[in-house]
Amino acid sequence: MSLYKKAWLFVLFSVAVLAALLFGMPLLDRVLGTFSFLVFGLYILGQGLLAMVFFSCPQCDLSPFMGSKGLFTSYSIFPRKKCGHCGHDHTQADVAET
């Protein structure tokens, strides 16, 4: 499976869990009280870190959610089809995977 498809599956899973958290917030608020917003915030930060760490270009290790390497870069909630640093096509499956 290509990196692009894996990244999109991660995005769809994250959106589904986020929707479940939003609709389950009243129940979560009853159980945890004021800590429910802390759980919600930690989830958002954790998903962002997972996207940056576990999904990376096989050639230059740049995340498909990042625009380029450097101090001033752009981030996106949607993965890129081509790497912003080396131009590698993320839609193609790697040779090592087949």
C-alpha atoms as a PDB file:
ATOM      1  CA  MET A   1       0.000   0.000   0.000  1.00  0.00           C
ATOM      2  CA  SER A   2       1.306   3.436  -0.829  1.00  0.00           C
ATOM      3  CA  LEU A   3       2.257   6.028   1.760  1.00  0.00           C
ATOM      4  CA  TYR A   4      -0.458   8.318   0.403  1.00  0.00           C
ATOM      5  CA  LYS A   5      -3.192   5.712   1.020  1.00  0.00           C
ATOM      6  CA  LYS A   6      -1.861   4.932   4.497  1.00  0.00           C
ATOM      7  CA  ALA A   7      -1.862   8.618   5.360  1.00  0.00           C
ATOM      8  CA  TRP A   8      -5.448   9.029   4.126  1.00  0.00           C
ATOM      9  CA  LEU A   9      -6.572   6.021   6.187  1.00  0.00           C
ATOM     10  CA  PHE A  10      -4.959   7.669   9.207  1.00  0.00           C
ATOM     11  CA  VAL A  11      -6.800  10.935   8.470  1.00  0.00           C
ATOM     12  CA  LEU A  12     -10.156   9.141   8.124  1.00  0.00           C
ATOM     13  CA  PHE A  13      -9.586   7.201  11.354  1.00  0.00           C
ATOM     14  CA  SER A  14      -8.638  10.423  13.162  1.00  0.00           C
ATOM     15  CA  VAL A  15     -11.769  12.198  11.936  1.00  0.00           C
ATOM     16  CA  ALA A  16     -13.967   9.265  13.013  1.00  0.00           C
ATOM     17  CA  VAL A  17     -12.469   9.217  16.514  1.00  0.00           C
ATOM     18  CA  LEU A  18     -12.719  13.009  16.721  1.00  0.00           C
ATOM     19  CA  ALA A  19     -16.417  12.852  15.812  1.00  0.00           C
ATOM     20  CA  ALA A  20     -16.962  10.155  18.440  1.00  0.00           C
ATOM     21  CA  LEU A  21     -15.195  12.322  21.016  1.00  0.00           C
ATOM     22  CA  LEU A  22     -17.280  15.368  20.114  1.00  0.00           C
ATOM     23  CA  PHE A  23     -20.587  13.511  20.322  1.00  0.00           C
ATOM     24  CA  GLY A  24     -19.452  11.682  23.450  1.00  0.00           C
ATOM     25  CA  MET A  25     -18.248  14.855  25.169  1.00  0.00           C
ATOM     26  CA  PRO A  26     -21.293  15.136  27.499  1.00  0.00           C
ATOM     27  CA  LEU A  27     -20.710  11.581  28.728  1.00  0.00           C
ATOM     28  CA  LEU A  28     -16.975  12.165  28.973  1.00  0.00           C
ATOM     29  CA  ASP A  29     -17.677  15.361  30.902  1.00  0.00           C
ATOM     30  CA  ARG A  30     -19.817  13.463  33.426  1.00  0.00           C
ATOM     31  CA  VAL A  31     -17.146  10.819  33.933  1.00  0.00           C
ATOM     32  CA  LEU A  32     -14.016  12.987  33.980  1.00  0.00           C
ATOM     33  CA  GLY A  33     -15.419  16.400  34.883  1.00  0.00           C
ATOM     34  CA  THR A  34     -13.147  19.278  33.913  1.00  0.00           C
ATOM     35  CA  PHE A  35     -10.430  16.898  32.697  1.00  0.00           C
ATOM     36  CA  SER A  36     -12.495  16.021  29.614  1.00  0.00           C
ATOM     37  CA  PHE A  37     -11.159  19.063  27.737  1.00  0.00           C
ATOM     38  CA  LEU A  38      -7.636  18.024  28.689  1.00  0.00           C
ATOM     39  CA  VAL A  39      -8.268  14.577  27.185  1.00  0.00           C
ATOM     40  CA  PHE A  40      -9.662  16.205  24.043  1.00  0.00           C
ATOM     41  CA  GLY A  41      -6.624  18.502  23.697  1.00  0.00           C
ATOM     42  CA  LEU A  42      -4.164  15.680  24.302  1.00  0.00           C
ATOM     43  CA  TYR A  43      -5.899  13.640  21.613  1.00  0.00           C
ATOM     44  CA  ILE A  44      -5.512  16.462  19.078  1.00  0.00           C
ATOM     45  CA  LEU A  45      -1.828  16.970  19.933  1.00  0.00           C
ATOM     46  CA  GLY A  46      -1.167  13.227  19.927  1.00  0.00           C
ATOM     47  CA  GLN A  47      -2.671  12.727  16.482  1.00  0.00           C
ATOM     48  CA  GLY A  48      -0.558  15.554  15.110  1.00  0.00           C
ATOM     49  CA  LEU A  49       2.601  14.043  16.562  1.00  0.00           C
ATOM     50  CA  LEU A  50       1.718  10.596  15.226  1.00  0.00           C
ATOM     51  CA  ALA A  51       1.207  12.047  11.750  1.00  0.00           C
ATOM     52  CA  MET A  52       4.641  13.687  11.840  1.00  0.00           C
ATOM     53  CA  VAL A  53       6.533  10.711  13.311  1.00  0.00           C
ATOM     54  CA  PHE A  54       5.060   7.563  11.750  1.00  0.00           C
ATOM     55  CA  PHE A  55       4.474   8.765   8.202  1.00  0.00           C
ATOM     56  CA  SER A  56       7.599   9.803   6.348  1.00  0.00           C
ATOM     57  CA  CYS A  57       8.959   9.886   2.819  1.00  0.00           C
ATOM     58  CA  PRO A  58      11.127   6.820   2.097  1.00  0.00           C
ATOM     59  CA  GLN A  59      13.800   9.002   0.458  1.00  0.00           C
ATOM     60  CA  CYS A  60      14.159  12.073   2.674  1.00  0.00           C
ATOM     61  CA  ASP A  61      12.089  11.301   5.832  1.00  0.00           C
ATOM     62  CA  LEU A  62       9.777  14.301   5.400  1.00  0.00           C
ATOM     63  CA  SER A  63       6.192  13.759   6.529  1.00  0.00           C
ATOM     64  CA  PRO A  64       3.563  13.931   3.757  1.00  0.00           C
ATOM     65  CA  PHE A  65       1.699  16.366   6.020  1.00  0.00           C
ATOM     66  CA  MET A  66       4.580  18.895   5.867  1.00  0.00           C
ATOM     67  CA  GLY A  67       5.255  21.340   3.033  1.00  0.00           C
ATOM     68  CA  SER A  68       9.065  21.347   3.126  1.00  0.00           C
ATOM     69  CA  LYS A  69      12.041  21.012   5.423  1.00  0.00           C
ATOM     70  CA  GLY A  70      13.126  24.071   7.339  1.00  0.00           C
ATOM     71  CA  LEU A  71      12.118  26.462  10.065  1.00  0.00           C
ATOM     72  CA  PHE A  72       9.277  28.126   8.173  1.00  0.00           C
ATOM     73  CA  THR A  73       7.170  25.370   6.660  1.00  0.00           C
ATOM     74  CA  SER A  74       3.483  24.727   6.148  1.00  0.00           C
ATOM     75  CA  TYR A  75       1.499  21.871   7.648  1.00  0.00           C
ATOM     76  CA  SER A  76      -1.682  20.354   6.285  1.00  0.00           C
ATOM     77  CA  ILE A  77      -4.334  18.037   7.646  1.00  0.00           C
ATOM     78  CA  PHE A  78      -4.383  16.337   4.244  1.00  0.00           C
ATOM     79  CA  PRO A  79      -1.382  14.353   2.935  1.00  0.00           C
ATOM     80  CA  ARG A  80       0.513  15.491  -0.166  1.00  0.00           C
ATOM     81  CA  LYS A  81       0.818  13.324  -3.258  1.00  0.00           C
ATOM     82  CA  LYS A  82       4.399  14.461  -3.884  1.00  0.00           C
ATOM     83  CA  CYS A  83       7.105  15.104  -1.329  1.00  0.00           C
ATOM     84  CA  GLY A  84       7.729  18.801  -0.706  1.00  0.00           C
ATOM     85  CA  HIS A  85      11.482  18.256  -0.366  1.00  0.00           C
ATOM     86  CA  CYS A  86      12.628  15.608  -2.850  1.00  0.00           C
ATOM     87  CA  GLY A  87       9.591  15.293  -5.147  1.00  0.00           C
ATOM     88  CA  HIS A  88       9.041  11.575  -4.475  1.00  0.00           C
ATOM     89  CA  ASP A  89       5.594  10.352  -5.616  1.00  0.00           C
ATOM     90  CA  HIS A  90       3.789   9.061  -2.510  1.00  0.00           C
ATOM     91  CA  THR A  91       0.963   7.503  -4.530  1.00  0.00           C
ATOM     92  CA  GLN A  92       3.271   4.758  -5.853  1.00  0.00           C
ATOM     93  CA  ALA A  93       3.886   1.705  -3.671  1.00  0.00           C
ATOM     94  CA  ASP A  94       7.508   1.222  -2.670  1.00  0.00           C
ATOM     95  CA  VAL A  95       9.515  -1.586  -4.286  1.00  0.00           C
ATOM     96  CA  ALA A  96      10.339  -3.108  -0.882  1.00  0.00           C
ATOM     97  CA  GLU A  97       6.634  -3.511  -0.066  1.00  0.00           C
ATOM     98  CA  THR A  98       5.703  -5.580  -3.129  1.00  0.00           C
END
